[in-house]
Protein backbone atom coordinates (compact mmCIF):
# COMPACT_ATOMS: atom_id res chain seq x y z
CA GLN A 1 -48.67 -78.31 -28.27
CA ALA A 2 -47.07 -79.85 -25.25
CA GLN A 3 -48.42 -78.57 -21.62
CA LEU A 4 -48.20 -79.47 -18.29
CA VAL A 5 -50.51 -78.21 -15.78
CA GLU A 6 -50.08 -78.99 -11.93
CA SER A 7 -52.60 -78.94 -9.29
CA GLY A 8 -53.14 -80.04 -5.67
CA GLY A 9 -51.52 -77.28 -4.12
CA GLY A 10 -52.95 -75.44 -0.95
CA LEU A 11 -52.74 -74.58 2.71
CA VAL A 12 -51.37 -77.62 5.34
CA GLN A 13 -50.42 -77.93 8.86
CA PRO A 14 -46.99 -79.38 9.46
CA GLY A 15 -47.23 -83.24 9.40
CA GLY A 16 -49.65 -83.29 6.77
CA SER A 17 -49.88 -84.18 3.40
CA LEU A 18 -50.84 -83.14 -0.02
CA ARG A 19 -50.81 -84.86 -3.63
CA LEU A 20 -49.56 -82.93 -6.13
CA SER A 21 -50.86 -83.72 -9.91
CA CYS A 22 -48.85 -82.82 -13.15
CA ILE A 23 -51.44 -83.41 -16.32
CA ALA A 24 -49.78 -83.30 -19.39
CA SER A 25 -51.58 -82.58 -22.82
CA GLY A 26 -50.23 -82.82 -26.59
CA PHE A 27 -47.95 -85.63 -25.95
CA ASN A 28 -47.36 -89.08 -24.20
CA LEU A 29 -45.52 -88.38 -21.10
CA ASP A 30 -44.86 -91.61 -20.16
CA LYS A 31 -42.26 -91.66 -23.18
CA TYR A 32 -40.06 -88.59 -21.29
CA ALA A 33 -38.32 -87.93 -17.84
CA VAL A 34 -40.36 -86.08 -15.22
CA ALA A 35 -39.15 -84.10 -12.46
CA TRP A 36 -40.51 -81.76 -9.56
CA PHE A 37 -39.09 -78.59 -8.66
CA ARG A 38 -39.98 -75.80 -6.37
CA GLN A 39 -39.14 -72.32 -5.39
CA SER A 40 -39.14 -70.14 -2.14
CA PRO A 41 -39.14 -66.68 -2.28
CA GLY A 42 -35.21 -65.24 -2.50
CA LYS A 43 -34.22 -68.72 -2.94
CA GLU A 44 -33.32 -70.60 -6.49
CA ARG A 45 -35.12 -73.22 -7.90
CA GLU A 46 -34.26 -76.79 -6.55
CA GLY A 47 -35.24 -80.33 -7.88
CA ILE A 48 -36.75 -82.27 -5.77
CA SER A 49 -37.73 -85.45 -7.20
CA CYS A 50 -37.41 -86.96 -10.50
CA ILE A 51 -38.86 -90.28 -12.08
CA THR A 52 -37.26 -91.88 -15.48
CA LYS A 53 -39.77 -92.72 -18.85
CA SER A 54 -41.93 -95.60 -17.84
CA SER A 55 -39.54 -98.17 -20.08
CA VAL A 56 -36.76 -97.36 -17.43
CA ASP A 57 -38.86 -97.17 -13.94
CA PHE A 58 -36.39 -95.32 -11.74
CA THR A 59 -36.81 -92.38 -9.53
CA ASP A 60 -34.62 -89.99 -7.60
CA TYR A 61 -35.36 -87.84 -4.70
CA ARG A 62 -33.53 -84.62 -3.18
CA VAL A 63 -32.00 -85.70 0.33
CA SER A 64 -34.16 -83.13 2.50
CA VAL A 65 -37.38 -85.05 1.09
CA LYS A 66 -36.33 -88.73 1.07
CA GLY A 67 -38.81 -90.92 2.75
CA ARG A 68 -41.31 -88.01 3.00
CA PHE A 69 -42.07 -87.41 -0.79
CA THR A 70 -43.45 -90.26 -3.27
CA ILE A 71 -43.02 -89.71 -7.22
CA SER A 72 -45.15 -91.99 -9.77
CA ARG A 73 -46.96 -92.13 -12.74
CA ASP A 74 -50.64 -92.99 -14.05
CA ASN A 75 -50.02 -93.60 -17.64
CA ALA A 76 -53.57 -93.90 -18.41
CA LYS A 77 -54.14 -90.95 -17.07
CA ASN A 78 -51.00 -88.97 -18.67
CA THR A 79 -50.21 -87.57 -15.67
CA VAL A 80 -47.32 -87.85 -12.55
CA TYR A 81 -47.70 -87.37 -9.24
CA LEU A 82 -46.06 -85.98 -6.03
CA GLN A 83 -47.41 -87.62 -2.84
CA MET A 84 -46.08 -85.19 -0.04
CA ASN A 85 -46.06 -86.95 3.69
CA ASN A 86 -45.15 -85.30 6.87
CA LEU A 87 -44.85 -81.65 5.63
CA LYS A 88 -42.41 -78.94 7.30
CA SER A 89 -42.96 -75.33 7.22
CA GLU A 90 -39.63 -75.46 4.75
CA ASP A 91 -41.53 -77.45 2.55
CA THR A 92 -43.54 -74.05 1.50
CA ALA A 93 -42.70 -72.87 -2.22
CA VAL A 94 -44.15 -72.84 -5.43
CA TYR A 95 -43.97 -76.27 -6.88
CA TYR A 96 -43.45 -76.91 -10.67
CA CYS A 97 -43.22 -79.99 -12.83
CA ALA A 98 -41.30 -80.36 -15.86
CA THR A 99 -40.34 -82.91 -18.48
CA GLU A 100 -37.60 -83.34 -21.21
CA THR A 101 -38.73 -84.20 -24.89
CA ILE A 102 -35.80 -86.16 -25.69
CA GLY A 103 -36.65 -89.06 -24.13
CA TYR A 104 -33.13 -89.95 -22.09
CA SER A 105 -32.81 -93.12 -20.31
CA TYR A 106 -32.04 -91.44 -16.97
CA CYS A 107 -33.58 -88.17 -14.79
CA SER A 108 -31.69 -85.43 -13.47
CA LEU A 109 -32.73 -82.91 -10.83
CA ASN A 110 -31.08 -80.36 -12.54
CA ASN A 111 -33.66 -77.64 -14.06
CA LEU A 112 -31.56 -77.22 -17.33
CA GLU A 113 -32.36 -80.55 -18.39
CA TYR A 114 -35.97 -80.15 -18.94
CA ASP A 115 -37.70 -77.79 -21.57
CA VAL A 116 -41.56 -78.17 -20.89
CA TRP A 117 -42.52 -76.49 -17.69
CA GLY A 118 -45.96 -75.93 -15.96
CA GLN A 119 -47.01 -72.61 -14.42
CA GLY A 120 -46.60 -74.08 -11.10
CA THR A 121 -48.96 -74.74 -7.57
CA GLN A 122 -48.28 -73.34 -4.46
CA VAL A 123 -47.86 -75.00 -1.17
CA ILE A 124 -48.32 -73.38 2.38
CA VAL A 125 -47.06 -75.31 5.21
CA SER A 126 -48.47 -73.55 8.30
CA SER A 127 -50.05 -73.87 11.45
């Protein structure tokens, strides 16, 4: 059964860094596009970064995180990471990773494109 598990969230001060991990089991994550989403209370879930399957190797970012966040893969560990630097209070949210299971040659920040989701990890940016 395809499953994703996120980890790495926590409490961090503004300007700090965190690295989120998204570990897959039951399938090879490198064959599919993966995205990170986040959701704050009272707000809609928003896509913040995505990475295509390894054979295409393309990434995309939401404007508000571009230059601060970096998405990457470690295929040997069947894991996708989200390195978050220079965190701001507005980055506070529950972060989710998701993957599609078709093997598209692109990636999207639209949550409708993804059908396997992790349970989420909380990130709090506060002094």
